[in-house]
Amino acid sequence: MTTLTIGLDGANWDLIGDWLDEGRLPNLQRLIDDGVGGVSESCLPPLTVPNWKCYATGKNPGKLDVFRFDRIDTKNRDHVFHDATDFKSAELWDYLNEAGMTAGVINKPSTYPPKEIDGFVVAGGPDASETEYRSLERGFATPDDVERFLREELDYRVHPSPMISPTEKGESEVQGVLDLIDLRFEAAERLLDRENPDYLHLTIFYSMALQHYFWDEEPVRRAWERIDENLGRFVDEGHDILVMSDHGTWHVDTVFYINTWLEQQGYLTTTGGVDDALQSLGVTRERALSVAKRFGMVETLSRVVPERVQQVVPWKEGVKHERILSIIDWDETQAVASNQGPIYLTKDPEDPGYEALRDELIEELEALRHPTTGEPIVKAVHRGEEYYEGPYAENAPDLLLDQGQNVHTSDAVGPDDWLSDSGVWVGGNMPDGIFLFSGPSFRSAGLDERAEITDLMPTLLHAMGSPVPTDVDGDVLDVFDADSSPGGRPVETRQPIIDNREEDEVDDREVEERLADLGYLE
């Protein structure tokens, strides 16, 4: 028997509840009927990164030293992207390996570059690449024979083709995502047969892109029906299965342009210039791309127009993440924010006025209300080092936002108003994800439980007979059948593995463009 995790990026029960009731997801319903689960709460911010790593390590970001895909380095006025080598922790599969078990990992975000384990790793998510990784003599998978198998036997792809984006999300892009879902499950089934690992993890990521752009409309329903159809490959095989997500998704009713708000309140100053002039004339990238596509010139223009010229043209919502830092007047700026609301101050914690500035921002942000509904735009603002726990909590963003209900926080600069009822995303990230344990080891008790995302890793370790490291934040959940092996034995603990992966020099441009295409960097 292999223990399986099926990770579904951005899944939550509210989104798929009607489709379950209508009988559209029969395989998932069978797992629910025979299993136990409920809501899994992610760490702030509720993003793909850090939460896939929080799941795999059982730890909050304060023990990982990575708090989202990227960070703004206000001291050096730079934008830094993270990869798998930046996380300061061993993962679930490292502990399984030390317990004498093999593992396979397919398409989990934040696994790029793929590391060597006793088993295999196929890197995935928006931060992975299909090309050779910097100085490493490999691409997206280890060991090399697994990558050769995927390329030659399955024509494996890391990203959909054509790539879905805010400006390109028609039927061909939707079909590209659906085809990729099939390919992911086929790879999992074939590698399960070929390698026979004791544990297998599979993430379906790009269905989340559809949820961002369509929320609960037909393309998303089709994706979930495709996921459910593919779940049928595994439900009758007698495996212990965990179905889970890194965070949830809700319908976006309000877009909070936090950098516009910071600018209007005097905390952020921009230099203006050609971006503002082009936008005032109605010249946006959306319009330029629309015209280029109409005449079949997208690829031609992307080759002949210099990158620096392409970057000058603003998006409809304004200047987005890849350009924000270049238009900031740093000498006059006190704070700048990223998508989903981490705020970085230009003052050091030791500087006079640092705490007063944080207090002021917390008070003003928590007081914001929607002008029509009266609902809070921000539920709470946390000091980074107080919200997180661990040796790296001091490296956290200065402030963290817990967004209001159905609010998406965008970091775009340029809109006249800091609040809008629509934006790039129709579906936005929220903390409540899903978890469901089903199989011989687990009791049948429905979906009434609550858990933290960090609870899943120690629960899986105990399910497989491996001791739980003493430095995890999560607990082993009460999900086991009393007559099962894990249900009848106490939880054992062990000392943590010290992870010493070497860090490589990072070339961020390709990752930045892909994240921007998906709307993660606005």
Protein backbone atom coordinates (compact mmCIF):
# COMPACT_ATOMS: atom_id res chain seq x y z
CA MET A 1 0.00 0.00 0.00
CA THR A 2 1.22 3.49 -0.89
CA THR A 3 0.13 6.50 1.14
CA LEU A 4 -0.98 9.28 -1.23
CA THR A 5 -1.45 13.02 -0.90
CA ILE A 6 -3.50 14.72 -3.60
CA GLY A 7 -2.91 18.46 -3.22
CA LEU A 8 -5.43 20.78 -4.90
CA ASP A 9 -4.20 24.36 -4.92
CA GLY A 10 -6.77 26.83 -3.59
CA ALA A 11 -9.53 24.28 -2.96
CA ASN A 12 -12.26 24.93 -0.40
CA TRP A 13 -15.56 23.25 0.38
CA ASP A 14 -17.73 26.31 -0.33
CA LEU A 15 -16.50 26.41 -3.92
CA ILE A 16 -17.21 22.76 -4.71
CA GLY A 17 -20.17 22.12 -2.38
CA ASP A 18 -22.89 22.52 -5.00
CA TRP A 19 -21.05 20.26 -7.45
CA LEU A 20 -20.78 17.58 -4.77
CA ASP A 21 -24.51 17.91 -4.04
CA GLU A 22 -25.30 17.61 -7.76
CA GLY A 23 -23.29 14.38 -8.03
CA ARG A 24 -20.70 15.89 -10.37
CA LEU A 25 -17.74 14.75 -8.22
CA PRO A 26 -18.54 11.10 -7.40
CA ASN A 27 -15.00 9.95 -6.63
CA LEU A 28 -14.37 12.77 -4.19
CA GLN A 29 -17.75 12.03 -2.62
CA ARG A 30 -16.72 8.40 -2.08
CA LEU A 31 -13.59 9.55 -0.27
CA ILE A 32 -15.70 11.89 1.88
CA ASP A 33 -18.18 9.12 2.72
CA ASP A 34 -15.33 6.86 3.89
CA GLY A 35 -13.16 9.51 5.51
CA VAL A 36 -12.71 12.33 7.98
CA GLY A 37 -11.75 15.94 7.40
CA GLY A 38 -12.91 19.52 7.23
CA VAL A 39 -11.27 22.94 7.08
CA SER A 40 -7.51 23.41 7.16
CA GLU A 41 -6.36 26.93 8.06
CA SER A 42 -3.31 28.21 6.19
CA CYS A 43 -0.60 30.54 7.46
CA LEU A 44 -0.66 34.23 6.51
CA PRO A 45 -0.42 35.29 3.80
CA PRO A 46 -2.77 32.65 2.31
CA LEU A 47 -0.59 32.05 -0.73
CA THR A 48 0.87 29.05 -2.58
CA VAL A 49 4.23 30.01 -1.10
CA PRO A 50 4.76 29.70 1.85
CA ASN A 51 1.84 27.34 2.49
CA TRP A 52 2.90 24.34 0.43
CA LYS A 53 6.12 24.42 2.41
CA CYS A 54 4.23 24.86 5.70
CA TYR A 55 2.36 21.66 4.81
CA ALA A 56 5.51 19.72 3.88
CA THR A 57 7.53 20.80 6.94
CA GLY A 58 4.82 21.10 9.59
CA LYS A 59 6.19 24.56 10.40
CA ASN A 60 5.17 28.19 10.23
CA PRO A 61 7.25 30.56 8.05
CA GLY A 62 9.13 31.86 11.10
CA LYS A 63 10.99 28.54 11.11
CA LEU A 64 11.51 28.54 7.33
CA ASP A 65 12.84 32.07 6.67
CA VAL A 66 10.55 32.41 3.63
CA PHE A 67 7.26 34.29 3.96
CA ARG A 68 5.96 34.39 0.35
CA PHE A 69 7.22 33.89 -3.23
CA ASP A 70 9.33 37.01 -2.94
CA ARG A 71 10.29 39.82 -0.61
CA ILE A 72 10.99 43.52 -0.99
CA ASP A 73 14.45 44.41 0.25
CA THR A 74 13.93 48.07 1.16
CA LYS A 75 17.52 48.50 2.32
CA ASN A 76 18.93 47.56 -1.10
CA ARG A 77 15.82 48.72 -2.97
CA ASP A 78 15.54 45.32 -4.59
CA HIS A 79 13.01 42.61 -5.29
CA VAL A 80 14.21 39.11 -4.26
CA PHE A 81 12.63 35.81 -5.35
CA HIS A 82 12.91 32.57 -3.41
CA ASP A 83 13.47 29.02 -4.57
CA ALA A 84 13.61 25.66 -2.80
CA THR A 85 17.15 26.21 -1.52
CA ASP A 86 16.06 29.20 0.59
CA PHE A 87 13.81 27.24 2.97
CA LYS A 88 15.51 26.34 6.25
CA SER A 89 13.91 22.98 7.02
CA ALA A 90 13.73 19.31 6.14
CA GLU A 91 10.45 18.03 4.74
CA LEU A 92 8.10 15.08 5.17
CA TRP A 93 9.93 12.93 2.61
CA ASP A 94 13.31 13.52 4.27
CA TYR A 95 11.94 11.97 7.47
CA LEU A 96 10.37 9.08 5.57
CA ASN A 97 13.71 8.41 3.90
CA GLU A 98 15.48 8.29 7.27
CA ALA A 99 12.83 5.83 8.45
CA GLY A 100 13.71 3.57 5.52
CA MET A 101 10.83 4.49 3.23
CA THR A 102 10.88 5.84 -0.33
CA ALA A 103 8.93 8.86 -1.55
CA GLY A 104 7.85 10.54 -4.75
CA VAL A 105 6.90 14.21 -5.09
CA ILE A 106 5.17 15.51 -8.22
CA ASN A 107 4.46 19.15 -9.02
CA LYS A 108 4.53 20.56 -5.49
CA PRO A 109 5.31 24.30 -5.64
CA SER A 110 8.55 25.42 -3.97
CA THR A 111 10.45 22.25 -4.93
CA TYR A 112 12.50 23.93 -7.67
CA PRO A 113 15.35 23.16 -8.13
CA PRO A 114 14.52 19.51 -7.42
CA LYS A 115 16.67 17.87 -4.77
CA GLU A 116 17.92 14.32 -4.53
CA ILE A 117 15.87 12.07 -2.24
CA ASP A 118 15.41 8.30 -1.92
CA GLY A 119 12.72 8.28 -4.56
CA PHE A 120 12.04 11.10 -7.00
CA VAL A 121 11.08 14.78 -7.16
CA VAL A 122 9.30 16.39 -10.12
CA ALA A 123 9.33 20.14 -9.46
CA GLY A 124 6.19 22.15 -10.06
CA GLY A 125 4.16 25.27 -9.47
CA PRO A 126 4.63 28.71 -11.01
CA ASP A 127 8.19 28.91 -9.66
CA ALA A 128 9.49 25.85 -11.56
CA SER A 129 11.22 25.73 -14.94
CA GLU A 130 11.45 23.17 -17.73
CA THR A 131 14.94 24.33 -18.67
CA GLU A 132 18.29 23.51 -17.11
CA TYR A 133 18.50 25.01 -13.65
CA ARG A 134 21.35 27.50 -13.49
CA SER A 135 24.53 25.56 -12.75
CA LEU A 136 22.76 22.22 -12.23
CA GLU A 137 23.00 19.67 -15.01
CA ARG A 138 19.33 18.85 -14.90
CA GLY A 139 15.95 20.41 -15.44
CA PHE A 140 12.73 19.80 -13.54
CA ALA A 141 13.16 16.31 -12.03
CA THR A 142 15.51 14.03 -10.13
CA PRO A 143 16.86 11.47 -10.69
CA ASP A 144 17.73 12.00 -14.35
CA ASP A 145 16.10 8.77 -15.52
CA VAL A 146 12.75 9.93 -14.14
CA GLU A 147 13.00 13.16 -16.12
CA ARG A 148 13.93 11.21 -19.26
CA PHE A 149 10.96 8.90 -18.71
CA LEU A 150 8.57 11.84 -18.31
CA ARG A 151 9.92 13.67 -21.37
CA GLU A 152 10.11 10.64 -23.67
CA GLU A 153 7.10 8.59 -22.57
CA LEU A 154 4.62 11.28 -21.54
CA ASP A 155 5.85 14.45 -23.30
CA TYR A 156 5.65 15.96 -19.80
CA ARG A 157 5.21 19.71 -19.36
CA VAL A 158 5.69 21.81 -16.24
CA HIS A 159 3.38 24.61 -17.46
CA PRO A 160 0.29 24.66 -19.69
CA SER A 161 0.51 25.51 -23.36
CA PRO A 162 -0.76 28.03 -24.24
CA MET A 163 -0.07 29.77 -20.94
CA ILE A 164 -3.10 31.25 -19.20
CA SER A 165 -2.85 34.90 -18.11
CA PRO A 166 -5.07 37.93 -17.40
CA THR A 167 -5.07 38.84 -21.11
CA GLU A 168 -5.14 35.30 -22.53
CA LYS A 169 -7.84 33.14 -20.90
CA GLY A 170 -9.96 31.84 -23.76
CA GLU A 171 -10.99 28.28 -24.59
CA SER A 172 -7.52 27.27 -25.81
CA GLU A 173 -5.93 28.40 -22.53
CA VAL A 174 -8.64 26.67 -20.49
CA GLN A 175 -8.14 23.47 -22.49
CA GLY A 176 -4.40 23.75 -21.87
CA VAL A 177 -5.04 23.64 -18.12
CA LEU A 178 -7.46 20.69 -18.44
CA ASP A 179 -4.92 18.76 -20.50
CA LEU A 180 -2.28 19.47 -17.87
CA ILE A 181 -4.53 18.07 -15.12
CA ASP A 182 -4.78 14.80 -17.08
CA LEU A 183 -1.02 14.77 -17.61
CA ARG A 184 -0.31 15.26 -13.89
CA PHE A 185 -2.48 12.31 -12.88
CA GLU A 186 -1.09 10.15 -15.68
CA ALA A 187 2.44 10.92 -14.49
CA ALA A 188 1.45 10.03 -10.92
CA GLU A 189 -0.10 6.73 -11.99
CA ARG A 190 2.80 5.76 -14.24
CA LEU A 191 5.47 6.70 -11.68
CA LEU A 192 3.56 4.88 -8.95
CA ASP A 193 3.70 1.72 -11.07
CA ARG A 194 7.30 2.31 -12.20
CA GLU A 195 8.91 3.37 -8.90
CA ASN A 196 6.51 1.88 -6.31
CA PRO A 197 7.23 4.50 -3.61
CA ASP A 198 5.95 4.11 -0.06
CA TYR A 199 4.61 7.67 -0.24
CA LEU A 200 3.50 9.76 -3.22
CA HIS A 201 2.56 13.44 -3.28
CA LEU A 202 0.82 15.06 -6.27
CA THR A 203 -0.19 18.72 -6.56
CA ILE A 204 -2.66 20.07 -9.11
CA PHE A 205 -1.72 23.75 -9.34
CA TYR A 206 -3.11 25.41 -12.48
CA SER A 207 -6.75 24.71 -11.62
CA MET A 208 -6.17 27.59 -9.18
CA ALA A 209 -5.44 29.89 -12.12
CA LEU A 210 -8.89 29.08 -13.49
CA GLN A 211 -10.41 29.84 -10.07
CA HIS A 212 -8.65 33.22 -10.07
CA TYR A 213 -10.08 34.19 -13.44
CA PHE A 214 -13.48 32.44 -13.42
CA TRP A 215 -14.30 31.64 -9.75
CA ASP A 216 -17.20 29.13 -10.00
CA GLU A 217 -18.01 29.44 -13.71
CA GLU A 218 -17.96 26.66 -16.29
CA PRO A 219 -14.16 26.46 -16.81
CA VAL A 220 -13.66 25.82 -13.09
CA ARG A 221 -16.45 23.24 -12.96
CA ARG A 222 -14.87 21.44 -15.91
CA ALA A 223 -11.51 21.44 -14.13
CA TRP A 224 -13.03 19.93 -11.00
CA GLU A 225 -14.87 17.28 -13.02
CA ARG A 226 -11.55 16.44 -14.68
CA ILE A 227 -9.83 16.22 -11.28
CA ASP A 228 -12.58 13.96 -9.96
CA GLU A 229 -12.45 11.71 -13.00
CA ASN A 230 -8.72 11.26 -12.47
CA LEU A 231 -9.15 10.57 -8.74
CA GLY A 232 -10.82 7.37 -9.91
CA ARG A 233 -7.35 6.06 -10.79
CA PHE A 234 -6.61 5.67 -7.06
CA VAL A 235 -9.80 5.37 -4.96
CA ASP A 236 -10.26 1.61 -5.42
CA GLU A 237 -6.64 0.63 -4.84
CA GLY A 238 -6.74 0.38 -1.03
CA HIS A 239 -4.42 3.35 -0.45
CA ASP A 240 -4.47 5.72 2.50
CA ILE A 241 -5.23 9.07 0.83
CA LEU A 242 -5.03 12.67 2.01
CA VAL A 243 -6.81 15.25 -0.16
CA MET A 244 -5.80 18.76 0.88
CA SER A 245 -5.17 22.32 -0.23
CA ASP A 246 -2.67 25.01 0.64
CA HIS A 247 -5.39 27.66 1.12
CA GLY A 248 -8.92 28.38 -0.06
CA THR A 249 -10.54 30.68 -2.61
CA TRP A 250 -13.43 33.11 -2.29
CA HIS A 251 -15.28 35.36 -4.70
CA VAL A 252 -13.66 38.80 -4.86
CA ASP A 253 -16.21 41.50 -4.10
CA THR A 254 -13.67 44.21 -3.23
CA VAL A 255 -10.16 45.00 -4.46
CA PHE A 256 -8.00 46.95 -2.04
CA TYR A 257 -5.15 48.73 -3.85
CA ILE A 258 -2.90 48.97 -0.84
CA ASN A 259 -0.02 50.84 -2.49
CA THR A 260 -2.45 53.42 -3.87
CA TRP A 261 -3.81 53.82 -0.34
CA LEU A 262 -0.28 54.16 1.06
CA GLU A 263 0.49 56.78 -1.59
CA GLN A 264 -2.67 58.78 -0.91
CA GLN A 265 -1.97 58.72 2.83
CA GLY A 266 1.57 59.99 2.29
CA TYR A 267 3.45 56.81 3.20
CA LEU A 268 4.54 56.02 -0.38
CA THR A 269 5.85 58.45 -3.00
CA THR A 270 6.29 57.61 -6.69
CA THR A 271 8.19 59.45 -9.38
CA GLY A 272 5.40 59.33 -11.97
CA GLY A 273 6.58 59.87 -15.53
CA VAL A 274 5.87 58.00 -18.74
CA ASP A 275 3.68 55.35 -17.03
CA ASP A 276 1.20 57.99 -15.90
CA ALA A 277 1.26 59.74 -19.27
CA LEU A 278 0.56 56.55 -21.23
CA GLN A 279 -2.18 55.47 -18.85
CA SER A 280 -3.90 58.85 -19.04
CA LEU A 281 -4.00 58.45 -22.84
CA GLY A 282 -5.57 55.01 -22.51
CA VAL A 283 -2.43 53.18 -23.66
CA THR A 284 -2.33 49.94 -21.66
CA ARG A 285 -0.75 46.53 -22.13
CA GLU A 286 -4.19 44.92 -22.36
CA ARG A 287 -5.08 47.09 -25.37
CA ALA A 288 -1.68 46.62 -26.99
CA LEU A 289 -1.88 42.84 -26.59
CA SER A 290 -5.45 42.78 -27.91
CA VAL A 291 -4.44 44.63 -31.08
CA ALA A 292 -1.32 42.50 -31.52
CA LYS A 293 -3.31 39.29 -31.15
CA ARG A 294 -5.92 40.48 -33.65
CA PHE A 295 -3.22 40.84 -36.29
CA GLY A 296 -1.24 37.74 -35.24
CA MET A 297 1.76 39.80 -34.11
CA VAL A 298 2.16 38.89 -30.41
CA GLU A 299 5.29 36.76 -30.88
CA THR A 300 6.77 39.17 -33.41
CA LEU A 301 6.36 42.19 -31.14
CA SER A 302 7.73 40.32 -28.13
CA ARG A 303 10.89 39.62 -30.15
CA VAL A 304 11.46 43.01 -31.75
CA VAL A 305 10.28 45.42 -29.04
CA PRO A 306 13.00 45.84 -26.40
CA GLU A 307 12.09 44.58 -22.92
CA ARG A 308 12.71 48.02 -21.41
CA VAL A 309 10.09 49.48 -23.78
CA GLN A 310 7.58 46.70 -23.03
CA GLN A 311 7.96 47.36 -19.31
CA VAL A 312 7.16 51.07 -19.72
CA VAL A 313 3.60 50.36 -20.88
CA PRO A 314 1.34 50.09 -17.79
CA TRP A 315 -1.43 47.56 -17.23
CA LYS A 316 -5.03 48.80 -17.05
CA GLU A 317 -4.93 48.65 -13.25
CA GLY A 318 -1.73 50.66 -13.17
CA VAL A 319 1.93 49.93 -12.65
CA LYS A 320 2.33 46.38 -11.38
CA HIS A 321 4.84 44.57 -9.24
CA GLU A 322 7.66 44.24 -11.74
CA ARG A 323 7.74 48.05 -12.13
CA ILE A 324 6.73 49.35 -8.71
CA LEU A 325 10.18 49.45 -7.16
CA SER A 326 11.60 51.37 -10.12
CA ILE A 327 9.08 54.23 -9.77
CA ILE A 328 9.36 54.66 -6.00
CA ASP A 329 10.95 57.81 -4.64
CA TRP A 330 12.77 55.95 -1.90
CA ASP A 331 13.96 59.05 -0.06
CA GLU A 332 10.33 60.11 0.45
CA THR A 333 8.79 56.65 1.02
CA GLN A 334 8.10 55.05 4.40
CA ALA A 335 6.22 51.88 3.37
CA VAL A 336 5.55 49.68 0.34
CA ALA A 337 3.37 46.56 0.11
CA SER A 338 3.16 43.31 -1.86
CA ASN A 339 0.14 41.44 -3.20
CA GLN A 340 -1.96 40.02 -0.32
CA GLY A 341 -0.66 42.72 1.97
CA PRO A 342 2.76 42.17 3.53
CA ILE A 343 4.05 45.69 4.24
CA TYR A 344 7.74 46.56 4.27
CA LEU A 345 8.96 49.72 6.00
CA THR A 346 12.01 51.67 4.90
CA LYS A 347 12.98 52.33 8.52
CA ASP A 348 15.02 49.76 10.44
CA PRO A 349 13.51 48.46 13.70
CA GLU A 350 16.24 50.32 15.59
CA ASP A 351 15.41 53.65 13.95
CA PRO A 352 13.55 56.33 15.94
CA GLY A 353 9.90 56.37 14.97
CA TYR A 354 9.77 52.77 13.68
CA GLU A 355 7.29 51.50 16.26
CA ALA A 356 5.26 54.69 16.10
CA LEU A 357 4.95 54.25 12.33
CA ARG A 358 3.80 50.65 12.74
CA ASP A 359 1.25 51.65 15.36
CA GLU A 360 -0.06 54.38 13.07
CA LEU A 361 -0.42 52.05 10.08
CA ILE A 362 -2.11 49.35 12.16
CA GLU A 363 -4.64 51.81 13.55
CA GLU A 364 -5.45 53.35 10.16
CA LEU A 365 -5.67 50.05 8.26
CA GLU A 366 -7.87 48.34 10.85
CA ALA A 367 -10.21 51.34 10.75
CA LEU A 368 -10.87 51.06 6.98
CA ARG A 369 -14.48 50.23 6.09
CA HIS A 370 -16.25 49.58 2.82
CA PRO A 371 -18.20 52.76 2.00
CA THR A 372 -21.36 50.83 1.05
CA THR A 373 -21.44 47.75 3.28
CA GLY A 374 -19.54 49.07 6.27
CA GLU A 375 -17.55 45.82 6.38
CA PRO A 376 -13.86 45.98 7.34
CA ILE A 377 -11.38 46.00 4.47
CA VAL A 378 -8.77 44.50 6.79
CA LYS A 379 -9.74 42.14 9.62
CA ALA A 380 -6.45 42.57 11.47
CA VAL A 381 -2.90 43.83 11.02
CA HIS A 382 -0.11 41.86 12.69
CA ARG A 383 3.48 42.71 13.48
CA GLY A 384 5.44 40.12 11.52
CA GLU A 385 7.76 39.03 14.32
CA GLU A 386 4.79 38.59 16.68
CA TYR A 387 2.57 36.62 14.29
CA TYR A 388 5.29 34.12 13.37
CA GLU A 389 7.33 31.98 15.76
CA GLY A 390 10.84 30.68 15.26
CA PRO A 391 14.45 31.69 14.72
CA TYR A 392 13.65 33.61 11.52
CA ALA A 393 10.56 35.51 12.71
CA GLU A 394 12.63 38.69 12.92
CA ASN A 395 13.11 38.50 9.12
CA ALA A 396 9.36 38.67 8.48
CA PRO A 397 7.68 41.62 6.75
CA ASP A 398 7.15 44.49 9.15
CA LEU A 399 3.36 44.13 8.97
CA LEU A 400 0.95 41.41 7.80
CA LEU A 401 -2.63 41.95 6.66
CA ASP A 402 -5.45 39.52 7.37
CA GLN A 403 -7.82 40.57 4.58
CA GLY A 404 -11.50 41.30 5.12
CA GLN A 405 -14.18 38.91 3.86
CA ASN A 406 -14.11 38.60 0.04
CA VAL A 407 -11.35 41.22 -0.24
CA HIS A 408 -8.34 40.87 -2.52
CA THR A 409 -5.35 43.07 -1.71
CA SER A 410 -3.54 44.18 -4.87
CA ASP A 411 -0.15 45.87 -4.94
CA ALA A 412 -0.77 47.73 -8.24
CA VAL A 413 0.05 51.44 -8.21
CA GLY A 414 -1.90 53.86 -10.38
CA PRO A 415 -5.67 53.51 -9.88
CA ASP A 416 -7.33 56.78 -8.88
CA ASP A 417 -9.28 55.02 -6.13
CA TRP A 418 -7.80 52.70 -3.53
CA LEU A 419 -10.96 50.57 -3.56
CA SER A 420 -12.73 48.84 -6.45
CA ASP A 421 -15.37 46.16 -6.95
CA SER A 422 -13.38 44.34 -9.65
CA GLY A 423 -9.82 43.60 -10.69
CA VAL A 424 -7.62 40.98 -12.35
CA TRP A 425 -8.88 38.19 -10.10
CA VAL A 426 -12.52 37.13 -9.72
CA GLY A 427 -11.49 34.48 -7.19
CA GLY A 428 -9.05 35.50 -4.46
CA ASN A 429 -7.01 33.69 -1.82
CA MET A 430 -8.42 33.08 1.65
CA PRO A 431 -7.10 31.08 4.63
CA ASP A 432 -9.66 28.25 4.82
CA GLY A 433 -8.52 25.29 2.74
CA ILE A 434 -9.54 21.64 2.85
CA PHE A 435 -8.27 18.37 4.28
CA LEU A 436 -9.71 14.87 3.98
CA PHE A 437 -8.13 11.62 5.19
CA SER A 438 -9.65 8.50 3.65
CA GLY A 439 -8.59 4.87 3.52
CA PRO A 440 -8.01 1.81 5.71
CA SER A 441 -6.23 3.73 8.50
CA PHE A 442 -8.85 6.44 8.98
CA ARG A 443 -12.25 6.68 10.61
CA SER A 444 -15.41 7.77 8.79
CA ALA A 445 -16.68 10.95 10.43
CA GLY A 446 -17.56 13.51 7.75
CA LEU A 447 -16.20 17.02 7.29
CA ASP A 448 -16.70 18.64 10.69
CA GLU A 449 -13.05 18.86 11.81
CA ARG A 450 -10.74 21.86 11.86
CA ALA A 451 -6.97 21.74 11.53
CA GLU A 452 -3.94 23.89 10.88
CA ILE A 453 -2.04 23.23 7.67
CA THR A 454 0.99 22.41 9.83
CA ASP A 455 -0.92 19.46 11.38
CA LEU A 456 -0.93 17.45 8.15
CA MET A 457 2.78 16.56 8.01
CA PRO A 458 3.03 15.06 11.53
CA THR A 459 -0.27 13.22 10.97
CA LEU A 460 1.10 11.63 7.79
CA LEU A 461 4.35 10.67 9.53
CA HIS A 462 2.45 8.94 12.32
CA ALA A 463 0.16 7.23 9.80
CA MET A 464 3.24 5.73 8.15
CA GLY A 465 4.95 4.67 11.37
CA SER A 466 7.62 7.37 11.35
CA PRO A 467 8.51 9.44 14.44
CA VAL A 468 7.50 13.10 14.45
CA PRO A 469 10.29 15.70 14.76
CA THR A 470 10.14 17.77 17.93
CA ASP A 471 10.46 21.13 16.14
CA VAL A 472 7.22 21.01 14.12
CA ASP A 473 4.35 23.35 14.98
CA GLY A 474 1.60 20.91 14.04
CA ASP A 475 -0.02 18.13 16.04
CA VAL A 476 -1.01 14.60 15.05
CA LEU A 477 -4.74 14.81 14.34
CA ASP A 478 -7.34 12.49 15.83
CA VAL A 479 -8.36 10.98 12.50
CA PHE A 480 -7.40 7.32 12.84
CA ASP A 481 -9.63 4.30 13.04
CA ALA A 482 -9.26 2.77 16.50
CA ASP A 483 -8.53 -0.66 15.02
CA SER A 484 -5.86 0.59 12.60
CA SER A 485 -2.12 0.37 13.22
CA PRO A 486 -1.60 4.15 13.73
CA GLY A 487 -4.79 4.33 15.80
CA GLY A 488 -3.45 1.76 18.23
CA ARG A 489 0.03 3.10 18.94
CA PRO A 490 1.35 6.23 20.66
CA VAL A 491 2.98 9.08 18.75
CA GLU A 492 6.76 8.74 18.75
CA THR A 493 9.09 11.74 18.44
CA ARG A 494 12.62 12.29 17.20
CA GLN A 495 15.23 15.01 16.85
CA PRO A 496 14.88 17.18 13.72
CA ILE A 497 17.00 16.77 10.62
CA ILE A 498 19.32 19.69 9.97
CA ASP A 499 18.80 20.63 6.32
CA ASN A 500 21.92 21.99 4.64
CA ARG A 501 20.97 22.53 1.01
CA GLU A 502 23.39 24.77 -0.83
CA GLU A 503 22.02 28.03 -2.16
CA ASP A 504 22.62 28.88 -5.81
CA GLU A 505 22.72 32.25 -7.48
CA VAL A 506 19.19 33.11 -8.54
CA ASP A 507 18.10 34.27 -11.99
CA ASP A 508 14.65 35.64 -11.21
CA ARG A 509 13.30 37.09 -14.45
CA GLU A 510 11.54 34.00 -15.82
CA VAL A 511 9.86 33.26 -12.48
CA GLU A 512 8.83 36.91 -12.06
CA GLU A 513 7.18 37.02 -15.48
CA ARG A 514 5.24 33.80 -14.86
CA LEU A 515 4.01 34.95 -11.46
CA ALA A 516 2.99 38.30 -12.97
CA ASP A 517 1.13 36.52 -15.78
CA LEU A 518 -0.91 34.62 -13.21
CA GLY A 519 -1.70 37.74 -11.21
CA TYR A 520 0.40 36.85 -8.15
CA LEU A 521 2.50 39.94 -8.76
CA GLU A 522 0.17 42.79 -9.63
